[in-house]
Amino acid sequence: MDTALLNGEFDLDSRGMPYIITGLAELMQRVAVCLKMKRASFIYSRTLGSELNSVKEVEDAVHSRAELLAREAVAEVPQTSLGELKVTKTANGKIKITLEIRLRDENGVVEVII
């Protein structure tokens, strides 16, 4: 059980209270946080995060490196089964990583732009 985040802040309901998420939604949020956060930037857990910020170009070798870095970061999230990972370039030149996540018989997709 976790509180839902939206653009780095708590996602609030109509009463101004944070939403509670569980299951696949919680897992997808944890994965997104692990991918977006720079490794060792969280003082309470220096292993949390990824080094995806070091990926600069989208080409075959970089795709392999991005996949390795993403899988390494997500390994810290319990109950995670990872599927296909795609790396593409956005219209404004940033790198978009799309990762399939599985929790038991549920599937979800996490997208992160770095």
PDB file of N, CA and C in Angstrom:
ATOM      1  N   MET A   1       0.851  -1.168   0.000  1.00  0.00           N
ATOM      2  CA  MET A   1       0.000   0.000   0.000  1.00  0.00           C
ATOM      3  C   MET A   1       0.901   1.237   0.000  1.00  0.00           C
ATOM      4  N   ASP A   2       0.557   2.208  -0.847  1.00  0.00           N
ATOM      5  CA  ASP A   2       1.357   3.418  -0.983  1.00  0.00           C
ATOM      6  C   ASP A   2       0.421   4.567  -1.347  1.00  0.00           C
ATOM      7  N   THR A   3       0.937   5.783  -1.243  1.00  0.00           N
ATOM      8  CA  THR A   3       0.147   6.939  -1.679  1.00  0.00           C
ATOM      9  C   THR A   3       0.511   7.249  -3.127  1.00  0.00           C
ATOM     10  N   ALA A   4      -0.486   7.607  -3.914  1.00  0.00           N
ATOM     11  CA  ALA A   4      -0.284   7.891  -5.333  1.00  0.00           C
ATOM     12  C   ALA A   4       0.439   9.221  -5.515  1.00  0.00           C
ATOM     13  N   LEU A   5       1.346   9.253  -6.483  1.00  0.00           N
ATOM     14  CA  LEU A   5       2.079  10.468  -6.811  1.00  0.00           C
ATOM     15  C   LEU A   5       1.664  10.961  -8.187  1.00  0.00           C
ATOM     16  N   LEU A   6       1.682  12.273  -8.350  1.00  0.00           N
ATOM     17  CA  LEU A   6       1.386  12.901  -9.632  1.00  0.00           C
ATOM     18  C   LEU A   6       2.337  14.076  -9.802  1.00  0.00           C
ATOM     19  N   ASN A   7       3.224  14.004 -10.780  1.00  0.00           N
ATOM     20  CA  ASN A   7       4.219  15.057 -11.031  1.00  0.00           C
ATOM     21  C   ASN A   7       5.060  15.369  -9.797  1.00  0.00           C
ATOM     22  N   GLY A   8       5.440  14.339  -9.054  1.00  0.00           N
ATOM     23  CA  GLY A   8       6.308  14.516  -7.894  1.00  0.00           C
ATOM     24  C   GLY A   8       5.609  14.934  -6.615  1.00  0.00           C
ATOM     25  N   GLU A   9       4.296  15.097  -6.649  1.00  0.00           N
ATOM     26  CA  GLU A   9       3.510  15.492  -5.470  1.00  0.00           C
ATOM     27  C   GLU A   9       2.464  14.415  -5.200  1.00  0.00           C
ATOM     28  N   PHE A  10       1.851  14.447  -4.014  1.00  0.00           N
ATOM     29  CA  PHE A  10       0.762  13.518  -3.723  1.00  0.00           C
ATOM     30  C   PHE A  10      -0.422  13.800  -4.641  1.00  0.00           C
ATOM     31  N   ASP A  11      -1.021  12.750  -5.175  1.00  0.00           N
ATOM     32  CA  ASP A  11      -2.230  12.884  -5.992  1.00  0.00           C
ATOM     33  C   ASP A  11      -3.407  12.931  -5.019  1.00  0.00           C
ATOM     34  N   LEU A  12      -4.178  14.013  -5.043  1.00  0.00           N
ATOM     35  CA  LEU A  12      -5.236  14.230  -4.051  1.00  0.00           C
ATOM     36  C   LEU A  12      -6.616  13.997  -4.638  1.00  0.00           C
ATOM     37  N   ASP A  13      -7.525  13.518  -3.781  1.00  0.00           N
ATOM     38  CA  ASP A  13      -8.918  13.347  -4.201  1.00  0.00           C
ATOM     39  C   ASP A  13      -9.670  14.659  -4.015  1.00  0.00           C
ATOM     40  N   SER A  14     -10.987  14.639  -4.219  1.00  0.00           N
ATOM     41  CA  SER A  14     -11.792  15.862  -4.130  1.00  0.00           C
ATOM     42  C   SER A  14     -11.813  16.462  -2.725  1.00  0.00           C
ATOM     43  N   ARG A  15     -11.489  15.663  -1.718  1.00  0.00           N
ATOM     44  CA  ARG A  15     -11.442  16.168  -0.333  1.00  0.00           C
ATOM     45  C   ARG A  15     -10.068  16.681   0.047  1.00  0.00           C
ATOM     46  N   GLY A  16      -9.105  16.578  -0.887  1.00  0.00           N
ATOM     47  CA  GLY A  16      -7.744  17.014  -0.592  1.00  0.00           C
ATOM     48  C   GLY A  16      -6.916  15.953   0.103  1.00  0.00           C
ATOM     49  N   MET A  17      -7.387  14.705   0.112  1.00  0.00           N
ATOM     50  CA  MET A  17      -6.682  13.600   0.751  1.00  0.00           C
ATOM     51  C   MET A  17      -5.931  12.783  -0.302  1.00  0.00           C
ATOM     52  N   PRO A  18      -4.761  12.267   0.056  1.00  0.00           N
ATOM     53  CA  PRO A  18      -4.000  11.459  -0.910  1.00  0.00           C
ATOM     54  C   PRO A  18      -4.720  10.148  -1.243  1.00  0.00           C
ATOM     55  N   TYR A  19      -4.610   9.750  -2.524  1.00  0.00           N
ATOM     56  CA  TYR A  19      -5.128   8.452  -2.946  1.00  0.00           C
ATOM     57  C   TYR A  19      -4.207   7.346  -2.427  1.00  0.00           C
ATOM     58  N   ILE A  20      -4.784   6.226  -2.073  1.00  0.00           N
ATOM     59  CA  ILE A  20      -4.014   5.044  -1.691  1.00  0.00           C
ATOM     60  C   ILE A  20      -4.040   4.085  -2.876  1.00  0.00           C
ATOM     61  N   ILE A  21      -2.866   3.558  -3.244  1.00  0.00           N
ATOM     62  CA  ILE A  21      -2.800   2.599  -4.337  1.00  0.00           C
ATOM     63  C   ILE A  21      -2.200   1.283  -3.828  1.00  0.00           C
ATOM     64  N   THR A  22      -2.589   0.199  -4.464  1.00  0.00           N
ATOM     65  CA  THR A  22      -2.084  -1.129  -4.110  1.00  0.00           C
ATOM     66  C   THR A  22      -1.874  -1.927  -5.389  1.00  0.00           C
ATOM     67  N   GLY A  23      -1.381  -3.126  -5.240  1.00  0.00           N
ATOM     68  CA  GLY A  23      -1.259  -4.055  -6.357  1.00  0.00           C
ATOM     69  C   GLY A  23      -0.376  -3.552  -7.474  1.00  0.00           C
ATOM     70  N   LEU A  24      -0.845  -3.752  -8.697  1.00  0.00           N
ATOM     71  CA  LEU A  24      -0.067  -3.397  -9.875  1.00  0.00           C
ATOM     72  C   LEU A  24       0.210  -1.895  -9.954  1.00  0.00           C
ATOM     73  N   ALA A  25      -0.755  -1.055  -9.595  1.00  0.00           N
ATOM     74  CA  ALA A  25      -0.556   0.405  -9.629  1.00  0.00           C
ATOM     75  C   ALA A  25       0.580   0.811  -8.694  1.00  0.00           C
ATOM     76  N   GLU A  26       0.628   0.218  -7.517  1.00  0.00           N
ATOM     77  CA  GLU A  26       1.705   0.518  -6.564  1.00  0.00           C
ATOM     78  C   GLU A  26       3.052   0.061  -7.121  1.00  0.00           C
ATOM     79  N   LEU A  27       3.078  -1.128  -7.683  1.00  0.00           N
ATOM     80  CA  LEU A  27       4.312  -1.662  -8.235  1.00  0.00           C
ATOM     81  C   LEU A  27       4.815  -0.794  -9.390  1.00  0.00           C
ATOM     82  N   MET A  28       3.907  -0.376 -10.261  1.00  0.00           N
ATOM     83  CA  MET A  28       4.297   0.464 -11.392  1.00  0.00           C
ATOM     84  C   MET A  28       4.847   1.809 -10.912  1.00  0.00           C
ATOM     85  N   GLN A  29       4.262   2.368  -9.871  1.00  0.00           N
ATOM     86  CA  GLN A  29       4.759   3.633  -9.330  1.00  0.00           C
ATOM     87  C   GLN A  29       6.158   3.449  -8.743  1.00  0.00           C
ATOM     88  N   ARG A  30       6.382   2.355  -8.025  1.00  0.00           N
ATOM     89  CA  ARG A  30       7.706   2.101  -7.446  1.00  0.00           C
ATOM     90  C   ARG A  30       8.762   1.941  -8.530  1.00  0.00           C
ATOM     91  N   VAL A  31       8.399   1.232  -9.603  1.00  0.00           N
ATOM     92  CA  VAL A  31       9.327   1.050 -10.716  1.00  0.00           C
ATOM     93  C   VAL A  31       9.648   2.396 -11.355  1.00  0.00           C
ATOM     94  N   ALA A  32       8.639   3.225 -11.589  1.00  0.00           N
ATOM     95  CA  ALA A  32       8.855   4.538 -12.196  1.00  0.00           C
ATOM     96  C   ALA A  32       9.779   5.397 -11.326  1.00  0.00           C
ATOM     97  N   VAL A  33       9.577   5.359 -10.023  1.00  0.00           N
ATOM     98  CA  VAL A  33      10.430   6.128  -9.111  1.00  0.00           C
ATOM     99  C   VAL A  33      11.865   5.621  -9.188  1.00  0.00           C
ATOM    100  N   CYS A  34      12.043   4.299  -9.199  1.00  0.00           N
ATOM    101  CA  CYS A  34      13.391   3.724  -9.287  1.00  0.00           C
ATOM    102  C   CYS A  34      14.086   4.122 -10.579  1.00  0.00           C
ATOM    103  N   LEU A  35      13.345   4.169 -11.674  1.00  0.00           N
ATOM    104  CA  LEU A  35      13.947   4.515 -12.958  1.00  0.00           C
ATOM    105  C   LEU A  35      14.275   5.998 -13.061  1.00  0.00           C
ATOM    106  N   LYS A  36      13.415   6.860 -12.539  1.00  0.00           N
ATOM    107  CA  LYS A  36      13.594   8.309 -12.669  1.00  0.00           C
ATOM    108  C   LYS A  36      14.648   8.862 -11.711  1.00  0.00           C
ATOM    109  N   MET A  37      14.752   8.272 -10.528  1.00  0.00           N
ATOM    110  CA  MET A  37      15.649   8.801  -9.503  1.00  0.00           C
ATOM    111  C   MET A  37      17.096   8.416  -9.802  1.00  0.00           C
ATOM    112  N   LYS A  38      17.985   9.372  -9.687  1.00  0.00           N
ATOM    113  CA  LYS A  38      19.404   9.108  -9.884  1.00  0.00           C
ATOM    114  C   LYS A  38      19.911   8.236  -8.728  1.00  0.00           C
ATOM    115  N   ARG A  39      20.648   7.166  -9.061  1.00  0.00           N
ATOM    116  CA  ARG A  39      21.155   6.247  -8.035  1.00  0.00           C
ATOM    117  C   ARG A  39      21.974   7.006  -6.992  1.00  0.00           C
ATOM    118  N   ALA A  40      21.749   6.634  -5.739  1.00  0.00           N
ATOM    119  CA  ALA A  40      22.461   7.165  -4.569  1.00  0.00           C
ATOM    120  C   ALA A  40      22.048   8.591  -4.202  1.00  0.00           C
ATOM    121  N   SER A  41      20.989   9.126  -4.828  1.00  0.00           N
ATOM    122  CA  SER A  41      20.570  10.485  -4.480  1.00  0.00           C
ATOM    123  C   SER A  41      19.618  10.514  -3.289  1.00  0.00           C
ATOM    124  N   PHE A  42      19.068   9.364  -2.903  1.00  0.00           N
ATOM    125  CA  PHE A  42      18.161   9.285  -1.759  1.00  0.00           C
ATOM    126  C   PHE A  42      18.989   8.908  -0.539  1.00  0.00           C
ATOM    127  N   ILE A  43      19.080   9.803   0.405  1.00  0.00           N
ATOM    128  CA  ILE A  43      20.000   9.649   1.530  1.00  0.00           C
ATOM    129  C   ILE A  43      19.725   8.399   2.380  1.00  0.00           C
ATOM    130  N   TYR A  44      18.472   7.955   2.444  1.00  0.00           N
ATOM    131  CA  TYR A  44      18.125   6.824   3.301  1.00  0.00           C
ATOM    132  C   TYR A  44      18.367   5.470   2.639  1.00  0.00           C
ATOM    133  N   SER A  45      18.557   5.458   1.342  1.00  0.00           N
ATOM    134  CA  SER A  45      18.850   4.211   0.629  1.00  0.00           C
ATOM    135  C   SER A  45      19.721   4.530  -0.577  1.00  0.00           C
ATOM    136  N   ARG A  46      21.019   4.374  -0.427  1.00  0.00           N
ATOM    137  CA  ARG A  46      21.960   4.716  -1.490  1.00  0.00           C
ATOM    138  C   ARG A  46      21.885   3.767  -2.686  1.00  0.00           C
ATOM    139  N   THR A  47      21.203   2.612  -2.543  1.00  0.00           N
ATOM    140  CA  THR A  47      21.065   1.690  -3.671  1.00  0.00           C
ATOM    141  C   THR A  47      19.825   1.973  -4.505  1.00  0.00           C
ATOM    142  N   LEU A  48      18.931   2.820  -4.028  1.00  0.00           N
ATOM    143  CA  LEU A  48      17.707   3.141  -4.752  1.00  0.00           C
ATOM    144  C   LEU A  48      18.015   4.050  -5.935  1.00  0.00           C
ATOM    145  N   GLY A  49      17.349   3.812  -7.051  1.00  0.00           N
ATOM    146  CA  GLY A  49      17.505   4.658  -8.224  1.00  0.00           C
ATOM    147  C   GLY A  49      18.212   3.944  -9.356  1.00  0.00           C
ATOM    148  N   SER A  50      18.508   4.705 -10.407  1.00  0.00           N
ATOM    149  CA  SER A  50      19.173   4.132 -11.571  1.00  0.00           C
ATOM    150  C   SER A  50      20.239   5.085 -12.076  1.00  0.00           C
ATOM    151  N   GLU A  51      21.008   4.601 -13.031  1.00  0.00           N
ATOM    152  CA  GLU A  51      22.007   5.428 -13.689  1.00  0.00           C
ATOM    153  C   GLU A  51      21.579   5.727 -15.120  1.00  0.00           C
ATOM    154  N   LEU A  52      20.260   5.710 -15.365  1.00  0.00           N
ATOM    155  CA  LEU A  52      19.750   5.976 -16.701  1.00  0.00           C
ATOM    156  C   LEU A  52      20.057   7.389 -17.176  1.00  0.00           C
ATOM    157  N   ASN A  53      20.316   8.291 -16.244  1.00  0.00           N
ATOM    158  CA  ASN A  53      20.662   9.660 -16.623  1.00  0.00           C
ATOM    159  C   ASN A  53      21.961   9.704 -17.426  1.00  0.00           C
ATOM    160  N   SER A  54      22.756   8.632 -17.385  1.00  0.00           N
ATOM    161  CA  SER A  54      24.008   8.589 -18.147  1.00  0.00           C
ATOM    162  C   SER A  54      23.797   8.167 -19.598  1.00  0.00           C
ATOM    163  N   VAL A  55      22.587   7.694 -19.953  1.00  0.00           N
ATOM    164  CA  VAL A  55      22.289   7.297 -21.324  1.00  0.00           C
ATOM    165  C   VAL A  55      21.958   8.553 -22.122  1.00  0.00           C
ATOM    166  N   LYS A  56      22.683   8.780 -23.198  1.00  0.00           N
ATOM    167  CA  LYS A  56      22.524  10.024 -23.955  1.00  0.00           C
ATOM    168  C   LYS A  56      21.960   9.830 -25.357  1.00  0.00           C
ATOM    169  N   GLU A  57      22.242   8.726 -26.014  1.00  0.00           N
ATOM    170  CA  GLU A  57      21.824   8.523 -27.401  1.00  0.00           C
ATOM    171  C   GLU A  57      21.013   7.243 -27.539  1.00  0.00           C
ATOM    172  N   VAL A  58      20.166   7.188 -28.554  1.00  0.00           N
ATOM    173  CA  VAL A  58      19.365   5.998 -28.836  1.00  0.00           C
ATOM    174  C   VAL A  58      19.980   5.302 -30.042  1.00  0.00           C
ATOM    175  N   GLU A  59      20.674   4.218 -29.802  1.00  0.00           N
ATOM    176  CA  GLU A  59      21.214   3.358 -30.845  1.00  0.00           C
ATOM    177  C   GLU A  59      21.297   1.963 -30.243  1.00  0.00           C
ATOM    178  N   ASP A  60      21.656   0.968 -31.022  1.00  0.00           N
ATOM    179  CA  ASP A  60      21.620  -0.422 -30.545  1.00  0.00           C
ATOM    180  C   ASP A  60      22.435  -0.633 -29.274  1.00  0.00           C
ATOM    181  N   ALA A  61      23.653  -0.136 -29.244  1.00  0.00           N
ATOM    182  CA  ALA A  61      24.501  -0.327 -28.063  1.00  0.00           C
ATOM    183  C   ALA A  61      23.905   0.373 -26.853  1.00  0.00           C
ATOM    184  N   VAL A  62      23.356   1.564 -27.055  1.00  0.00           N
ATOM    185  CA  VAL A  62      22.764   2.317 -25.957  1.00  0.00           C
ATOM    186  C   VAL A  62      21.497   1.626 -25.470  1.00  0.00           C
ATOM    187  N   HIS A  63      20.719   1.033 -26.408  1.00  0.00           N
ATOM    188  CA  HIS A  63      19.521   0.302 -26.022  1.00  0.00           C
ATOM    189  C   HIS A  63      19.893  -0.814 -25.046  1.00  0.00           C
ATOM    190  N   SER A  64      20.937  -1.553 -25.340  1.00  0.00           N
ATOM    191  CA  SER A  64      21.377  -2.636 -24.460  1.00  0.00           C
ATOM    192  C   SER A  64      21.801  -2.090 -23.103  1.00  0.00           C
ATOM    193  N   ARG A  65      22.509  -0.977 -23.120  1.00  0.00           N
ATOM    194  CA  ARG A  65      22.954  -0.355 -21.868  1.00  0.00           C
ATOM    195  C   ARG A  65      21.762   0.153 -21.066  1.00  0.00           C
ATOM    196  N   ALA A  66      20.801   0.790 -21.729  1.00  0.00           N
ATOM    197  CA  ALA A  66      19.609   1.281 -21.041  1.00  0.00           C
ATOM    198  C   ALA A  66      18.835   0.128 -20.431  1.00  0.00           C
ATOM    199  N   GLU A  67      18.717  -0.972 -21.175  1.00  0.00           N
ATOM    200  CA  GLU A  67      18.004  -2.130 -20.649  1.00  0.00           C
ATOM    201  C   GLU A  67      18.710  -2.684 -19.417  1.00  0.00           C
ATOM    202  N   LEU A  68      20.015  -2.799 -19.464  1.00  0.00           N
ATOM    203  CA  LEU A  68      20.786  -3.292 -18.324  1.00  0.00           C
ATOM    204  C   LEU A  68      20.599  -2.380 -17.110  1.00  0.00           C
ATOM    205  N   LEU A  69      20.707  -1.069 -17.313  1.00  0.00           N
ATOM    206  CA  LEU A  69      20.559  -0.125 -16.204  1.00  0.00           C
ATOM    207  C   LEU A  69      19.144  -0.143 -15.631  1.00  0.00           C
ATOM    208  N   ALA A  70      18.132  -0.267 -16.486  1.00  0.00           N
ATOM    209  CA  ALA A  70      16.744  -0.317 -16.020  1.00  0.00           C
ATOM    210  C   ALA A  70      16.498  -1.585 -15.211  1.00  0.00           C
ATOM    211  N   ARG A  71      16.953  -2.700 -15.724  1.00  0.00           N
ATOM    212  CA  ARG A  71      16.747  -3.968 -15.001  1.00  0.00           C
ATOM    213  C   ARG A  71      17.491  -3.977 -13.667  1.00  0.00           C
ATOM    214  N   GLU A  72      18.666  -3.385 -13.637  1.00  0.00           N
ATOM    215  CA  GLU A  72      19.431  -3.282 -12.395  1.00  0.00           C
ATOM    216  C   GLU A  72      18.672  -2.450 -11.358  1.00  0.00           C
ATOM    217  N   ALA A  73      18.101  -1.326 -11.785  1.00  0.00           N
ATOM    218  CA  ALA A  73      17.362  -0.450 -10.871  1.00  0.00           C
ATOM    219  C   ALA A  73      16.105  -1.126 -10.355  1.00  0.00           C
ATOM    220  N   VAL A  74      15.394  -1.818 -11.233  1.00  0.00           N
ATOM    221  CA  VAL A  74      14.115  -2.423 -10.872  1.00  0.00           C
ATOM    222  C   VAL A  74      14.303  -3.687 -10.032  1.00  0.00           C
ATOM    223  N   ALA A  75      15.487  -4.251 -10.041  1.00  0.00           N
ATOM    224  CA  ALA A  75      15.758  -5.441  -9.230  1.00  0.00           C
ATOM    225  C   ALA A  75      15.529  -5.172  -7.743  1.00  0.00           C
ATOM    226  N   GLU A  76      15.588  -3.909  -7.345  1.00  0.00           N
ATOM    227  CA  GLU A  76      15.362  -3.529  -5.949  1.00  0.00           C
ATOM    228  C   GLU A  76      13.885  -3.574  -5.550  1.00  0.00           C
ATOM    229  N   VAL A  77      12.983  -3.644  -6.536  1.00  0.00           N
ATOM    230  CA  VAL A  77      11.542  -3.629  -6.264  1.00  0.00           C
ATOM    231  C   VAL A  77      11.061  -5.074  -6.125  1.00  0.00           C
ATOM    232  N   PRO A  78      10.528  -5.447  -4.943  1.00  0.00           N
ATOM    233  CA  PRO A  78      10.076  -6.830  -4.748  1.00  0.00           C
ATOM    234  C   PRO A  78       8.863  -7.164  -5.613  1.00  0.00           C
ATOM    235  N   GLN A  79       8.684  -8.432  -5.915  1.00  0.00           N
ATOM    236  CA  GLN A  79       7.535  -8.972  -6.651  1.00  0.00           C
ATOM    237  C   GLN A  79       7.510  -8.526  -8.107  1.00  0.00           C
ATOM    238  N   THR A  80       8.621  -8.029  -8.624  1.00  0.00           N
ATOM    239  CA  THR A  80       8.627  -7.480  -9.970  1.00  0.00           C
ATOM    240  C   THR A  80       9.061  -8.523 -10.984  1.00  0.00           C
ATOM    241  N   SER A  81       8.285  -8.648 -12.033  1.00  0.00           N
ATOM    242  CA  SER A  81       8.657  -9.459 -13.178  1.00  0.00           C
ATOM    243  C   SER A  81       8.644  -8.523 -14.375  1.00  0.00           C
ATOM    244  N   LEU A  82       9.774  -8.417 -15.036  1.00  0.00           N
ATOM    245  CA  LEU A  82       9.901  -7.479 -16.139  1.00  0.00           C
ATOM    246  C   LEU A  82       9.712  -8.176 -17.473  1.00  0.00           C
ATOM    247  N   GLY A  83       9.069  -7.472 -18.376  1.00  0.00           N
ATOM    248  CA  GLY A  83       8.877  -7.979 -19.724  1.00  0.00           C
ATOM    249  C   GLY A  83       9.719  -7.180 -20.696  1.00  0.00           C
ATOM    250  N   GLU A  84       9.121  -6.838 -21.816  1.00  0.00           N
ATOM    251  CA  GLU A  84       9.811  -6.133 -22.889  1.00  0.00           C
ATOM    252  C   GLU A  84      10.170  -4.710 -22.490  1.00  0.00           C
ATOM    253  N   LEU A  85      11.320  -4.258 -22.937  1.00  0.00           N
ATOM    254  CA  LEU A  85      11.776  -2.893 -22.708  1.00  0.00           C
ATOM    255  C   LEU A  85      12.083  -2.271 -24.060  1.00  0.00           C
ATOM    256  N   LYS A  86      11.547  -1.070 -24.301  1.00  0.00           N
ATOM    257  CA  LYS A  86      11.797  -0.354 -25.552  1.00  0.00           C
ATOM    258  C   LYS A  86      12.416   1.002 -25.227  1.00  0.00           C
ATOM    259  N   VAL A  87      13.378   1.400 -26.044  1.00  0.00           N
ATOM    260  CA  VAL A  87      14.007   2.709 -25.907  1.00  0.00           C
ATOM    261  C   VAL A  87      13.779   3.459 -27.212  1.00  0.00           C
ATOM    262  N   THR A  88      13.182   4.648 -27.121  1.00  0.00           N
ATOM    263  CA  THR A  88      12.937   5.479 -28.305  1.00  0.00           C
ATOM    264  C   THR A  88      13.310   6.920 -27.987  1.00  0.00           C
ATOM    265  N   LYS A  89      13.363   7.717 -29.026  1.00  0.00           N
ATOM    266  CA  LYS A  89      13.669   9.144 -28.863  1.00  0.00           C
ATOM    267  C   LYS A  89      12.387   9.934 -29.056  1.00  0.00           C
ATOM    268  N   THR A  90      12.122  10.917 -28.182  1.00  0.00           N
ATOM    269  CA  THR A  90      10.934  11.760 -28.296  1.00  0.00           C
ATOM    270  C   THR A  90      11.185  12.857 -29.328  1.00  0.00           C
ATOM    271  N   ALA A  91      10.139  13.583 -29.676  1.00  0.00           N
ATOM    272  CA  ALA A  91      10.240  14.665 -30.666  1.00  0.00           C
ATOM    273  C   ALA A  91      11.205  15.759 -30.219  1.00  0.00           C
ATOM    274  N   ASN A  92      11.314  15.975 -28.908  1.00  0.00           N
ATOM    275  CA  ASN A  92      12.208  17.028 -28.412  1.00  0.00           C
ATOM    276  C   ASN A  92      13.604  16.505 -28.065  1.00  0.00           C
ATOM    277  N   GLY A  93      13.920  15.266 -28.496  1.00  0.00           N
ATOM    278  CA  GLY A  93      15.271  14.729 -28.348  1.00  0.00           C
ATOM    279  C   GLY A  93      15.559  13.999 -27.057  1.00  0.00           C
ATOM    280  N   LYS A  94      14.580  13.860 -26.190  1.00  0.00           N
ATOM    281  CA  LYS A  94      14.794  13.115 -24.946  1.00  0.00           C
ATOM    282  C   LYS A  94      14.625  11.624 -25.200  1.00  0.00           C
ATOM    283  N   ILE A  95      15.044  10.816 -24.249  1.00  0.00           N
ATOM    284  CA  ILE A  95      14.960   9.367 -24.382  1.00  0.00           C
ATOM    285  C   ILE A  95      13.762   8.860 -23.584  1.00  0.00           C
ATOM    286  N   LYS A  96      12.919   8.054 -24.249  1.00  0.00           N
ATOM    287  CA  LYS A  96      11.749   7.474 -23.588  1.00  0.00           C
ATOM    288  C   LYS A  96      11.969   5.971 -23.441  1.00  0.00           C
ATOM    289  N   ILE A  97      11.806   5.487 -22.218  1.00  0.00           N
ATOM    290  CA  ILE A  97      11.940   4.068 -21.928  1.00  0.00           C
ATOM    291  C   ILE A  97      10.563   3.536 -21.562  1.00  0.00           C
ATOM    292  N   THR A  98      10.125   2.518 -22.281  1.00  0.00           N
ATOM    293  CA  THR A  98       8.838   1.873 -22.034  1.00  0.00           C
ATOM    294  C   THR A  98       9.132   0.461 -21.559  1.00  0.00           C
ATOM    295  N   LEU A  99       8.609   0.113 -20.382  1.00  0.00           N
ATOM    296  CA  LEU A  99       8.928  -1.150 -19.736  1.00  0.00           C
ATOM    297  C   LEU A  99       7.651  -1.863 -19.324  1.00  0.00           C
ATOM    298  N   GLU A 100       7.524  -3.123 -19.714  1.00  0.00           N
ATOM    299  CA  GLU A 100       6.366  -3.933 -19.318  1.00  0.00           C
ATOM    300  C   GLU A 100       6.629  -4.547 -17.948  1.00  0.00           C
ATOM    301  N   ILE A 101       5.651  -4.422 -17.051  1.00  0.00           N
ATOM    302  CA  ILE A 101       5.746  -4.919 -15.679  1.00  0.00           C
ATOM    303  C   ILE A 101       4.665  -5.974 -15.461  1.00  0.00           C
ATOM    304  N   ARG A 102       5.003  -7.037 -14.734  1.00  0.00           N
ATOM    305  CA  ARG A 102       4.021  -8.073 -14.409  1.00  0.00           C
ATOM    306  C   ARG A 102       3.961  -8.283 -12.899  1.00  0.00           C
ATOM    307  N   LEU A 103       2.739  -8.410 -12.397  1.00  0.00           N
ATOM    308  CA  LEU A 103       2.490  -8.766 -11.003  1.00  0.00           C
ATOM    309  C   LEU A 103       1.458  -9.879 -11.023  1.00  0.00           C
ATOM    310  N   ARG A 104       1.898 -11.082 -10.741  1.00  0.00           N
ATOM    311  CA  ARG A 104       1.056 -12.277 -10.857  1.00  0.00           C
ATOM    312  C   ARG A 104       0.416 -12.344 -12.244  1.00  0.00           C
ATOM    313  N   ASP A 105      -0.888 -12.230 -12.378  1.00  0.00           N
ATOM    314  CA  ASP A 105      -1.532 -12.332 -13.683  1.00  0.00           C
ATOM    315  C   ASP A 105      -1.932 -10.967 -14.262  1.00  0.00           C
ATOM    316  N   GLU A 106      -1.421  -9.893 -13.699  1.00  0.00           N
ATOM    317  CA  GLU A 106      -1.707  -8.541 -14.202  1.00  0.00           C
ATOM    318  C   GLU A 106      -0.488  -7.998 -14.926  1.00  0.00           C
ATOM    319  N   ASN A 107      -0.714  -7.217 -15.977  1.00  0.00           N
ATOM    320  CA  ASN A 107       0.357  -6.565 -16.729  1.00  0.00           C
ATOM    321  C   ASN A 107       0.136  -5.072 -16.753  1.00  0.00           C
ATOM    322  N   GLY A 108       1.206  -4.325 -16.761  1.00  0.00           N
ATOM    323  CA  GLY A 108       1.141  -2.875 -16.874  1.00  0.00           C
ATOM    324  C   GLY A 108       2.337  -2.365 -17.636  1.00  0.00           C
ATOM    325  N   VAL A 109       2.275  -1.122 -18.056  1.00  0.00           N
ATOM    326  CA  VAL A 109       3.365  -0.496 -18.803  1.00  0.00           C
ATOM    327  C   VAL A 109       3.778   0.789 -18.105  1.00  0.00           C
ATOM    328  N   VAL A 110       5.077   0.931 -17.872  1.00  0.00           N
ATOM    329  CA  VAL A 110       5.638   2.127 -17.261  1.00  0.00           C
ATOM    330  C   VAL A 110       6.449   2.850 -18.328  1.00  0.00           C
ATOM    331  N   GLU A 111       6.224   4.158 -18.470  1.00  0.00           N
ATOM    332  CA  GLU A 111       6.996   4.976 -19.392  1.00  0.00           C
ATOM    333  C   GLU A 111       7.742   6.046 -18.597  1.00  0.00           C
ATOM    334  N   VAL A 112       9.031   6.160 -18.899  1.00  0.00           N
ATOM    335  CA  VAL A 112       9.868   7.143 -18.225  1.00  0.00           C
ATOM    336  C   VAL A 112      10.625   7.923 -19.282  1.00  0.00           C
ATOM    337  N   ILE A 113      10.654   9.238 -19.150  1.00  0.00           N
ATOM    338  CA  ILE A 113      11.421  10.080 -20.068  1.00  0.00           C
ATOM    339  C   ILE A 113      12.602  10.650 -19.314  1.00  0.00           C
ATOM    340  N   ILE A 114      13.786  10.447 -19.878  1.00  0.00           N
ATOM    341  CA  ILE A 114      15.016  10.940 -19.226  1.00  0.00           C
ATOM    342  C   ILE A 114      15.715  11.941 -20.123  1.00  0.00           C
TER     343      ILE A 114
END
